[in-house]
Amino acid sequence: MDEVDLIEHLQGGLATLGDPVSTEQVQRLSAYLQLLAKWNRAFNLTAVRDANDMVVRHVLDSLAVRSLLQGQTVLDVGTGAGLPGIPLAVMEPDRAFTLLDSGGKKIRFLRHVLAELQLGNVAVVHSRVEAYQPEQGYDTVVCRAFSSLGDFVSACGRLMTEDGRLLAMKGRYPDQELTELAPPWFARCEPLRVPGLDGQRHAVLIERAATAAQP
């Protein structure tokens, strides 16, 4: 897929999501995917190879949770190749994003992306989540990679502000995982609509019960 086709595909998907988007944002998303495809040939950053699939499975899937972000600071845990953090940061320039991963090759790729895309609202941290000790908590902690909601809460609950939110991206409705969460954690699950993607996608929002009870 050439750059013109890639931009048209992005524009069509973003229009279906209903997200207002500038020409500069579309160009940055296109540049990100082109960099990802180039680096992927050498470093195997993602199993998705086809450019059409990258638009849907990486960019549009990431942006499906855009409306669920809370506050000004967002931590993307286990970001890998920058998902969902990079697409969200492009579309949310007024929020500050931190991308956390323990993989050296992925971190090098992300630093290259930040330089090429000139994303001033993104910081990259090379660390395991268990060792990460931020000075302040985050308003939203998002992840696509944790194996279970219980593990996500155990590892990342300490990284959010008192009234912050954990946001887990899932495929099918996680019935069993939801039953494993115990007080003070309260969760709700919302279906996600990803243009062009077959199969179920859900977002699980996890908050402390006192916070969740507020209007």
Protein backbone atom coordinates (compact mmCIF):
# COMPACT_ATOMS: atom_id res chain seq x y z
CA MET A 1 0.00 0.00 0.00
CA ASP A 2 1.49 3.36 -1.01
CA GLU A 3 1.30 6.49 1.13
CA VAL A 4 -1.74 7.91 -0.70
CA ASP A 5 -3.74 4.71 -0.23
CA LEU A 6 -2.63 4.49 3.39
CA ILE A 7 -3.81 8.02 4.12
CA GLU A 8 -7.14 7.37 2.41
CA HIS A 9 -7.64 4.21 4.46
CA LEU A 10 -6.83 6.08 7.65
CA GLN A 11 -9.18 8.93 6.77
CA GLY A 12 -12.02 6.52 6.04
CA GLY A 13 -11.57 4.62 9.29
CA LEU A 14 -11.27 7.77 11.40
CA ALA A 15 -14.41 9.17 9.79
CA THR A 16 -16.27 5.98 10.71
CA LEU A 17 -15.06 6.32 14.30
CA GLY A 18 -16.39 9.86 14.26
CA ASP A 19 -13.11 11.40 15.38
CA PRO A 20 -12.35 14.91 14.09
CA VAL A 21 -8.89 14.77 12.59
CA SER A 22 -6.50 17.24 11.00
CA THR A 23 -4.36 16.66 7.93
CA GLU A 24 -1.26 16.78 10.14
CA GLN A 25 -2.63 14.06 12.42
CA VAL A 26 -3.42 11.76 9.50
CA GLN A 27 0.06 12.33 8.10
CA ARG A 28 1.63 11.49 11.47
CA LEU A 29 -0.40 8.31 11.79
CA SER A 30 0.60 7.34 8.26
CA ALA A 31 4.27 8.06 9.00
CA TYR A 32 4.06 5.95 12.16
CA LEU A 33 2.69 2.96 10.26
CA GLN A 34 5.35 3.32 7.57
CA LEU A 35 8.08 3.35 10.22
CA LEU A 36 6.49 0.36 11.94
CA ALA A 37 6.36 -1.60 8.68
CA LYS A 38 10.01 -0.75 7.92
CA TRP A 39 11.35 -1.65 11.36
CA ASN A 40 9.13 -4.71 11.55
CA ARG A 41 11.02 -6.35 8.71
CA ALA A 42 14.21 -6.36 10.80
CA PHE A 43 13.01 -6.48 14.41
CA ASN A 44 9.65 -8.29 14.34
CA LEU A 45 7.87 -5.68 16.47
CA THR A 46 4.39 -6.92 15.60
CA ALA A 47 2.85 -10.02 14.05
CA VAL A 48 0.69 -7.84 11.78
CA ARG A 49 2.44 -7.42 8.43
CA ASP A 50 -0.15 -6.10 6.00
CA ALA A 51 -0.56 -2.31 5.87
CA ASN A 52 -4.35 -2.57 5.60
CA ASP A 53 -4.42 -4.73 8.71
CA MET A 54 -2.13 -2.30 10.55
CA VAL A 55 -4.59 0.54 9.97
CA VAL A 56 -7.41 -1.48 11.50
CA ARG A 57 -5.68 -3.62 14.11
CA HIS A 58 -3.24 -1.01 15.34
CA VAL A 59 -4.49 2.54 14.73
CA LEU A 60 -8.27 2.20 14.70
CA ASP A 61 -8.26 -0.39 17.48
CA SER A 62 -6.10 1.92 19.63
CA LEU A 63 -8.31 4.93 18.99
CA ALA A 64 -11.49 3.02 19.88
CA VAL A 65 -10.71 3.74 23.56
CA ARG A 66 -10.02 7.44 23.03
CA SER A 67 -13.28 8.59 24.63
CA LEU A 68 -12.54 6.47 27.73
CA LEU A 69 -9.34 8.28 28.66
CA GLN A 70 -9.53 10.28 31.87
CA GLY A 71 -7.47 13.24 33.04
CA GLN A 72 -4.28 14.74 31.64
CA THR A 73 -1.71 12.00 32.21
CA VAL A 74 -1.80 8.58 30.56
CA LEU A 75 0.51 5.59 31.08
CA ASP A 76 0.62 2.89 28.40
CA VAL A 77 1.97 -0.24 30.11
CA GLY A 78 3.66 -2.86 27.97
CA THR A 79 3.32 -0.55 25.00
CA GLY A 80 5.38 -2.73 22.65
CA ALA A 81 5.52 -0.91 19.33
CA GLY A 82 3.61 2.02 20.84
CA LEU A 83 0.09 0.68 21.00
CA PRO A 84 -2.25 2.17 21.93
CA GLY A 85 -0.06 5.05 23.11
CA ILE A 86 1.28 6.49 19.84
CA PRO A 87 -2.07 6.74 17.97
CA LEU A 88 -3.74 8.17 21.08
CA ALA A 89 -0.95 10.71 21.61
CA VAL A 90 -1.22 11.87 18.00
CA MET A 91 -4.95 12.45 18.43
CA GLU A 92 -4.71 13.87 21.97
CA PRO A 93 -1.92 16.50 21.86
CA ASP A 94 -3.08 18.17 25.09
CA ARG A 95 -2.58 15.01 27.15
CA ALA A 96 0.80 13.76 28.38
CA PHE A 97 1.59 10.12 27.56
CA THR A 98 4.23 7.83 29.03
CA LEU A 99 5.04 4.63 27.11
CA LEU A 100 6.51 1.86 29.29
CA ASP A 101 8.18 -1.30 28.01
CA SER A 102 11.04 -3.60 28.98
CA GLY A 103 12.09 -4.52 25.43
CA GLY A 104 15.21 -2.74 24.24
CA LYS A 105 14.44 -3.00 20.52
CA LYS A 106 10.94 -1.68 21.04
CA ILE A 107 12.23 1.25 23.10
CA ARG A 108 14.74 2.14 20.37
CA PHE A 109 11.95 2.07 17.80
CA LEU A 110 9.73 4.29 19.95
CA ARG A 111 12.47 6.87 20.47
CA HIS A 112 12.99 6.97 16.71
CA VAL A 113 9.23 7.44 16.21
CA LEU A 114 9.12 10.35 18.65
CA ALA A 115 11.97 12.06 16.85
CA GLU A 116 10.49 11.50 13.40
CA LEU A 117 6.93 12.48 14.33
CA GLN A 118 8.05 15.28 16.68
CA LEU A 119 5.65 14.17 19.40
CA GLY A 120 6.33 16.49 22.30
CA ASN A 121 3.61 15.04 24.52
CA VAL A 122 5.19 11.57 24.81
CA ALA A 123 7.88 10.17 27.09
CA VAL A 124 9.39 6.69 26.71
CA VAL A 125 10.51 4.64 29.72
CA HIS A 126 12.62 1.47 29.47
CA SER A 127 11.59 -0.60 32.50
CA ARG A 128 9.65 -3.59 33.71
CA VAL A 129 6.36 -2.51 35.24
CA GLU A 130 7.29 -4.12 38.56
CA ALA A 131 10.37 -1.89 38.82
CA TYR A 132 8.79 1.34 37.63
CA GLN A 133 8.53 3.99 40.36
CA PRO A 134 7.03 7.20 38.96
CA GLU A 135 7.09 10.35 41.07
CA GLN A 136 3.35 10.80 40.58
CA GLY A 137 0.44 8.57 39.66
CA TYR A 138 -1.37 8.66 36.34
CA ASP A 139 -4.96 9.63 35.64
CA THR A 140 -5.36 6.73 33.19
CA VAL A 141 -3.29 3.55 32.96
CA VAL A 142 -4.02 1.65 29.74
CA CYS A 143 -2.84 -1.71 28.48
CA ARG A 144 -3.55 -4.19 25.68
CA ALA A 145 -1.10 -6.86 26.81
CA PHE A 146 -1.83 -8.08 30.35
CA SER A 147 -3.01 -11.67 30.52
CA SER A 148 -5.68 -11.07 33.14
CA LEU A 149 -7.49 -8.23 34.85
CA GLY A 150 -6.26 -9.51 38.21
CA ASP A 151 -2.65 -9.25 37.08
CA PHE A 152 -3.32 -5.79 35.66
CA VAL A 153 -4.71 -4.52 38.95
CA SER A 154 -1.94 -6.13 41.00
CA ALA A 155 0.82 -4.67 38.85
CA CYS A 156 -0.63 -1.29 37.93
CA GLY A 157 -3.10 -0.25 40.63
CA ARG A 158 -0.28 1.53 42.45
CA LEU A 159 0.57 3.54 39.33
CA MET A 160 -2.73 5.43 39.14
CA THR A 161 -3.85 8.47 41.08
CA GLU A 162 -6.33 8.01 43.92
CA ASP A 163 -9.22 8.84 41.60
CA GLY A 164 -7.55 7.44 38.49
CA ARG A 165 -8.65 4.71 36.11
CA LEU A 166 -7.23 1.46 34.77
CA LEU A 167 -8.27 0.75 31.19
CA ALA A 168 -7.80 -2.79 29.88
CA MET A 169 -8.36 -3.57 26.20
CA LYS A 170 -9.81 -7.04 25.62
CA GLY A 171 -11.30 -9.20 22.91
CA ARG A 172 -14.29 -11.20 24.10
CA TYR A 173 -16.30 -10.18 27.15
CA PRO A 174 -14.07 -11.31 30.08
CA ASP A 175 -16.73 -12.93 32.29
CA GLN A 176 -14.41 -15.01 34.44
CA GLU A 177 -11.79 -12.29 34.88
CA LEU A 178 -14.39 -9.79 36.06
CA THR A 179 -15.46 -12.14 38.86
CA GLU A 180 -11.89 -12.31 40.13
CA LEU A 181 -11.71 -8.61 41.01
CA ALA A 182 -12.26 -7.87 44.69
CA PRO A 183 -12.91 -4.65 46.66
CA PRO A 184 -11.85 -1.90 46.57
CA TRP A 185 -11.85 -2.42 42.81
CA PHE A 186 -14.95 -1.82 40.73
CA ALA A 187 -15.09 -2.66 37.03
CA ARG A 188 -17.44 -2.11 34.12
CA CYS A 189 -17.07 -3.45 30.61
CA GLU A 190 -17.99 -1.60 27.43
CA PRO A 191 -18.10 -2.95 23.87
CA LEU A 192 -15.79 -1.24 21.37
CA ARG A 193 -16.55 -0.52 17.74
CA VAL A 194 -13.50 -0.88 15.49
CA PRO A 195 -14.21 -0.19 11.80
CA GLY A 196 -13.13 -3.10 9.62
CA LEU A 197 -12.37 -5.46 12.49
CA ASP A 198 -14.23 -8.76 12.75
CA GLY A 199 -14.70 -10.22 16.19
CA GLN A 200 -15.43 -8.75 19.58
CA ARG A 201 -13.51 -5.97 21.29
CA HIS A 202 -14.18 -4.67 24.78
CA ALA A 203 -12.76 -2.13 27.19
CA VAL A 204 -12.74 -2.80 30.91
CA LEU A 205 -12.67 0.29 33.11
CA ILE A 206 -11.41 -0.37 36.62
CA GLU A 207 -11.58 2.18 39.43
CA ARG A 208 -11.51 2.19 43.20
CA ALA A 209 -15.05 1.68 44.47
CA ALA A 210 -15.28 5.04 46.25
CA THR A 211 -14.31 6.81 43.04
CA ALA A 212 -16.61 4.72 40.88
CA ALA A 213 -19.58 5.54 43.12
CA GLN A 214 -19.27 9.24 42.41
CA PRO A 215 -21.60 10.74 39.77
